[in-house]
Amino acid sequence: MLQSSYTSVLEVKTRDEFLTEMLRFCHDIGFDKVGAMTVIDHFLGEAEFITIDNSDEAYRRELCSLTDARSDPVAQHCKIQSVPLI
């Protein structure tokens, strides 16, 4: 079950699909709240951070902070590795 749920998250094409699949996946493993980030490193450009969540505003400000993302070890892992952390 976990493998197919995990795979469906990796197959999303849009931000809305990403949110829907992450909410479903996290609910399946027992979480009500989710915050997730995808990092796209553009060739010769700035990295793009795509975040989704269903949390409160205070957490969202922290999640969406590019300054914090640049020093966050999880964000840095995701930026240089092709294997996501769940």
C-alpha atoms as a PDB file:
ATOM      1  CA  MET A   1       0.000   0.000   0.000  1.00  0.00           C
ATOM      2  CA  LEU A   2       2.709   2.482   0.941  1.00  0.00           C
ATOM      3  CA  GLN A   3       4.592   1.867  -2.306  1.00  0.00           C
ATOM      4  CA  SER A   4       1.604   2.661  -4.560  1.00  0.00           C
ATOM      5  CA  SER A   5       0.674   5.711  -2.445  1.00  0.00           C
ATOM      6  CA  TYR A   6       4.265   6.930  -2.582  1.00  0.00           C
ATOM      7  CA  THR A   7       4.476   6.383  -6.342  1.00  0.00           C
ATOM      8  CA  SER A   8       1.284   8.349  -6.996  1.00  0.00           C
ATOM      9  CA  VAL A   9       2.837  11.385  -5.289  1.00  0.00           C
ATOM     10  CA  LEU A  10       5.879  11.146  -7.568  1.00  0.00           C
ATOM     11  CA  GLU A  11       3.715  11.053 -10.709  1.00  0.00           C
ATOM     12  CA  VAL A  12       1.928  14.394 -10.256  1.00  0.00           C
ATOM     13  CA  LYS A  13       2.188  17.032 -12.974  1.00  0.00           C
ATOM     14  CA  THR A  14       0.622  20.136 -11.393  1.00  0.00           C
ATOM     15  CA  ARG A  15       0.711  21.956  -8.071  1.00  0.00           C
ATOM     16  CA  ASP A  16      -2.960  21.081  -7.444  1.00  0.00           C
ATOM     17  CA  GLU A  17      -2.283  17.380  -8.101  1.00  0.00           C
ATOM     18  CA  PHE A  18       0.722  17.608  -5.761  1.00  0.00           C
ATOM     19  CA  LEU A  19      -1.460  18.999  -2.968  1.00  0.00           C
ATOM     20  CA  THR A  20      -4.222  16.439  -3.539  1.00  0.00           C
ATOM     21  CA  GLU A  21      -1.838  13.469  -3.578  1.00  0.00           C
ATOM     22  CA  MET A  22       0.173  14.691  -0.576  1.00  0.00           C
ATOM     23  CA  LEU A  23      -3.013  15.186   1.453  1.00  0.00           C
ATOM     24  CA  ARG A  24      -4.202  11.696   0.516  1.00  0.00           C
ATOM     25  CA  PHE A  25      -0.793  10.113   1.171  1.00  0.00           C
ATOM     26  CA  CYS A  26      -0.339  11.821   4.547  1.00  0.00           C
ATOM     27  CA  HIS A  27      -3.886  10.990   5.615  1.00  0.00           C
ATOM     28  CA  ASP A  28      -3.230   7.310   4.697  1.00  0.00           C
ATOM     29  CA  ILE A  29      -0.228   7.217   7.053  1.00  0.00           C
ATOM     30  CA  GLY A  30      -2.019   9.009   9.887  1.00  0.00           C
ATOM     31  CA  PHE A  31      -1.305  12.727   9.499  1.00  0.00           C
ATOM     32  CA  ASP A  32      -3.941  15.461   9.286  1.00  0.00           C
ATOM     33  CA  LYS A  33      -1.594  18.319   8.405  1.00  0.00           C
ATOM     34  CA  VAL A  34       0.981  18.445   5.645  1.00  0.00           C
ATOM     35  CA  GLY A  35       3.692  20.796   4.468  1.00  0.00           C
ATOM     36  CA  ALA A  36       5.712  19.788   1.421  1.00  0.00           C
ATOM     37  CA  MET A  37       8.237  21.370  -0.883  1.00  0.00           C
ATOM     38  CA  THR A  38       9.544  20.589  -4.330  1.00  0.00           C
ATOM     39  CA  VAL A  39      12.778  22.229  -5.462  1.00  0.00           C
ATOM     40  CA  ILE A  40      13.460  22.733  -9.166  1.00  0.00           C
ATOM     41  CA  ASP A  41      16.979  23.845  -9.955  1.00  0.00           C
ATOM     42  CA  HIS A  42      16.824  25.813 -13.208  1.00  0.00           C
ATOM     43  CA  PHE A  43      19.919  25.738 -15.391  1.00  0.00           C
ATOM     44  CA  LEU A  44      21.726  29.089 -15.054  1.00  0.00           C
ATOM     45  CA  GLY A  45      19.004  30.479 -12.826  1.00  0.00           C
ATOM     46  CA  GLU A  46      17.568  30.623  -9.367  1.00  0.00           C
ATOM     47  CA  ALA A  47      16.128  27.516  -7.768  1.00  0.00           C
ATOM     48  CA  GLU A  48      12.332  27.373  -7.732  1.00  0.00           C
ATOM     49  CA  PHE A  49      10.678  26.273  -4.490  1.00  0.00           C
ATOM     50  CA  ILE A  50       7.109  24.990  -4.850  1.00  0.00           C
ATOM     51  CA  THR A  51       5.372  24.552  -1.514  1.00  0.00           C
ATOM     52  CA  ILE A  52       2.000  23.148  -0.574  1.00  0.00           C
ATOM     53  CA  ASP A  53       0.327  22.796   2.798  1.00  0.00           C
ATOM     54  CA  ASN A  54      -2.929  22.705   4.715  1.00  0.00           C
ATOM     55  CA  SER A  55      -1.490  24.243   7.866  1.00  0.00           C
ATOM     56  CA  ASP A  56      -2.060  27.496   9.706  1.00  0.00           C
ATOM     57  CA  GLU A  57      -0.682  30.857   8.603  1.00  0.00           C
ATOM     58  CA  ALA A  58       2.218  30.934  11.089  1.00  0.00           C
ATOM     59  CA  TYR A  59       3.625  27.661   9.769  1.00  0.00           C
ATOM     60  CA  ARG A  60       3.041  28.731   6.158  1.00  0.00           C
ATOM     61  CA  ARG A  61       5.214  31.832   6.633  1.00  0.00           C
ATOM     62  CA  GLU A  62       8.082  29.618   7.823  1.00  0.00           C
ATOM     63  CA  LEU A  63       7.536  27.021   5.091  1.00  0.00           C
ATOM     64  CA  CYS A  64       7.571  29.633   2.312  1.00  0.00           C
ATOM     65  CA  SER A  65      10.604  31.594   3.539  1.00  0.00           C
ATOM     66  CA  LEU A  66      13.348  31.433   0.893  1.00  0.00           C
ATOM     67  CA  THR A  67      15.868  32.628   3.462  1.00  0.00           C
ATOM     68  CA  ASP A  68      15.034  29.703   5.723  1.00  0.00           C
ATOM     69  CA  ALA A  69      14.963  27.278   2.779  1.00  0.00           C
ATOM     70  CA  ARG A  70      18.523  28.197   1.853  1.00  0.00           C
ATOM     71  CA  SER A  71      19.736  27.121   5.297  1.00  0.00           C
ATOM     72  CA  ASP A  72      17.284  24.250   5.912  1.00  0.00           C
ATOM     73  CA  PRO A  73      19.134  20.906   5.726  1.00  0.00           C
ATOM     74  CA  VAL A  74      16.056  19.132   4.319  1.00  0.00           C
ATOM     75  CA  ALA A  75      15.676  21.728   1.562  1.00  0.00           C
ATOM     76  CA  GLN A  76      19.371  21.428   0.753  1.00  0.00           C
ATOM     77  CA  HIS A  77      19.102  17.621   0.602  1.00  0.00           C
ATOM     78  CA  CYS A  78      16.176  17.903  -1.799  1.00  0.00           C
ATOM     79  CA  LYS A  79      18.065  20.391  -3.941  1.00  0.00           C
ATOM     80  CA  ILE A  80      21.020  18.061  -4.564  1.00  0.00           C
ATOM     81  CA  GLN A  81      19.433  14.588  -4.328  1.00  0.00           C
ATOM     82  CA  SER A  82      16.920  12.958  -6.631  1.00  0.00           C
ATOM     83  CA  VAL A  83      15.462  10.800  -3.830  1.00  0.00           C
ATOM     84  CA  PRO A  84      12.651  12.577  -1.955  1.00  0.00           C
ATOM     85  CA  LEU A  85      12.326  12.550   1.820  1.00  0.00           C
ATOM     86  CA  ILE A  86       8.972  11.447   3.203  1.00  0.00           C
END
